[in-house]
Protein backbone atom coordinates (compact mmCIF):
# COMPACT_ATOMS: atom_id res chain seq x y z
CA MET A 1 -0.02 -0.04 -0.13
CA ASP A 2 0.93 3.51 -0.90
CA LEU A 3 0.78 6.30 1.93
CA ILE A 4 0.08 10.09 1.12
CA PHE A 5 1.01 12.29 4.17
CA ILE A 6 0.04 15.77 5.15
CA GLU A 7 1.90 17.47 8.05
CA GLU A 8 1.54 20.53 10.24
CA MET A 9 -1.74 21.23 8.56
CA ARG A 10 -3.25 24.39 10.18
CA VAL A 11 -6.89 24.59 10.59
CA ASP A 12 -9.43 26.70 12.33
CA ALA A 13 -12.04 24.99 14.19
CA ARG A 14 -14.62 25.06 17.22
CA VAL A 15 -13.78 22.37 19.60
CA GLY A 16 -13.91 21.79 23.06
CA ILE A 17 -16.16 21.67 26.19
CA PHE A 18 -15.71 25.08 27.45
CA GLU A 19 -17.64 28.10 26.41
CA ARG A 20 -14.45 30.09 25.05
CA GLU A 21 -14.00 26.82 22.97
CA LYS A 22 -17.38 26.98 21.62
CA ILE A 23 -17.77 30.39 20.62
CA ALA A 24 -14.15 31.15 18.99
CA PRO A 25 -12.27 28.67 16.68
CA GLN A 26 -9.11 27.96 17.82
CA THR A 27 -6.25 26.75 15.83
CA LEU A 28 -5.74 22.90 15.25
CA GLU A 29 -2.50 21.12 13.90
CA ILE A 30 -3.11 18.05 12.03
CA ASN A 31 -0.80 15.30 10.78
CA LEU A 32 -2.93 12.90 8.50
CA THR A 33 -1.42 9.71 6.85
CA PHE A 34 -3.72 7.66 4.58
CA GLY A 35 -3.45 4.70 2.21
CA VAL A 36 -4.10 4.83 -1.75
CA PRO A 37 -4.44 2.23 -4.44
CA ASP A 38 -1.04 1.13 -5.56
CA GLU A 39 -1.96 1.69 -9.19
CA ALA A 40 -2.05 5.29 -8.89
CA ALA A 41 1.97 5.06 -9.07
CA GLN A 42 1.81 2.02 -11.44
CA ASN A 43 0.09 3.81 -13.93
CA ASP A 44 1.29 7.36 -13.28
CA ASP A 45 -2.51 8.13 -13.28
CA ILE A 46 -4.00 10.92 -10.84
CA THR A 47 -7.58 9.47 -11.28
CA ARG A 48 -6.48 6.51 -9.48
CA THR A 49 -5.06 8.11 -6.18
CA ILE A 50 -6.60 10.09 -3.50
CA ARG A 51 -6.01 14.06 -4.31
CA TYR A 52 -4.44 15.66 -1.41
CA ASP A 53 -5.74 18.93 -2.28
CA GLU A 54 -9.30 17.64 -2.08
CA VAL A 55 -8.82 16.27 1.02
CA ILE A 56 -7.26 19.23 2.79
CA GLU A 57 -9.94 21.32 1.03
CA ARG A 58 -12.93 19.28 2.22
CA ILE A 59 -11.39 18.83 6.22
CA ARG A 60 -11.39 22.57 6.12
CA GLY A 61 -14.67 22.85 4.81
CA GLU A 62 -16.27 20.70 7.20
CA LEU A 63 -14.68 22.02 10.65
CA ALA A 64 -15.39 25.31 9.67
CA THR A 65 -19.06 24.35 10.14
CA ARG A 66 -19.08 22.15 12.80
CA HIS A 67 -18.02 22.19 16.41
CA PHE A 68 -16.98 18.90 18.24
CA ASN A 69 -16.70 18.66 22.05
CA LEU A 70 -13.86 16.41 21.89
CA LEU A 71 -10.78 15.98 19.78
CA GLU A 72 -11.52 12.25 19.72
CA THR A 73 -14.85 12.66 17.86
CA LEU A 74 -13.25 15.28 15.46
CA GLY A 75 -10.56 12.65 14.49
CA GLU A 76 -13.05 9.80 13.94
CA TYR A 77 -14.99 12.21 12.01
CA VAL A 78 -12.10 12.91 9.65
CA ILE A 79 -11.15 9.14 9.34
CA ASP A 80 -14.62 8.64 8.42
CA LEU A 81 -14.40 11.05 5.47
CA LEU A 82 -11.29 9.63 4.40
CA LEU A 83 -12.27 5.69 4.51
CA ASP A 84 -15.81 6.63 3.20
CA GLU A 85 -16.17 9.22 0.95
CA PHE A 86 -12.42 9.20 -0.53
CA GLY A 87 -12.19 5.29 -0.12
CA SER A 88 -8.65 5.05 1.75
CA PRO A 89 -8.12 1.33 3.30
CA TRP A 90 -6.20 2.95 6.30
CA VAL A 91 -5.81 6.37 7.85
CA ARG A 92 -3.80 7.68 10.84
CA ILE A 93 -4.56 11.10 11.99
CA SER A 94 -2.86 13.35 14.90
CA ILE A 95 -4.72 16.40 15.97
CA ALA A 96 -3.37 18.94 18.50
CA LYS A 97 -4.53 22.25 20.14
CA LEU A 98 -1.67 24.54 20.26
CA GLY A 99 -0.56 26.56 23.18
CA ILE A 100 -3.30 26.01 25.29
CA MET A 101 -1.86 25.27 28.72
CA LYS A 102 1.22 27.10 30.23
CA ASP A 103 4.27 25.63 29.36
CA VAL A 104 2.97 23.17 27.26
CA ARG A 105 3.09 23.28 23.42
CA ARG A 106 0.58 20.86 22.00
CA VAL A 107 -2.19 18.41 23.53
CA GLY A 108 -3.81 16.28 21.06
CA VAL A 109 -4.77 12.94 19.94
CA GLN A 110 -3.71 9.83 17.65
CA ILE A 111 -5.86 7.69 16.14
CA GLU A 112 -5.29 4.76 13.65
CA ARG A 113 -8.29 3.04 11.88
CA SER A 114 -8.60 0.56 8.85
CA ARG A 115 -11.73 0.36 6.44
CA LYS A 116 -14.06 -2.42 7.69
CA THR A 117 -14.13 -5.71 5.51
CA GLY A 118 -16.66 -8.39 5.25
């Protein structure tokens, strides 16, 4: 399986349980790795892969309109987009809130999922 990665993508999103987090978006850092069909590279054909530009725009569009209480829920939502809508067989995501606590650079989650077969 070939993999595409997107690193240190910055996205403004409303995520959190505190009132200030529900009102104002905060910047998140997302790292995403996902599987793509091997035949894309074998045939040098963009139509046989998952376009990272479309993935980035889809994630930004969705997160601009939603609120999530938990980073875990946000991560599962993005993973479901990749598995179900884009057809990736495997996805790993890490999402971090930046600078939300004194003397802590990031706080976040990492989730990995595969498409269910059978």
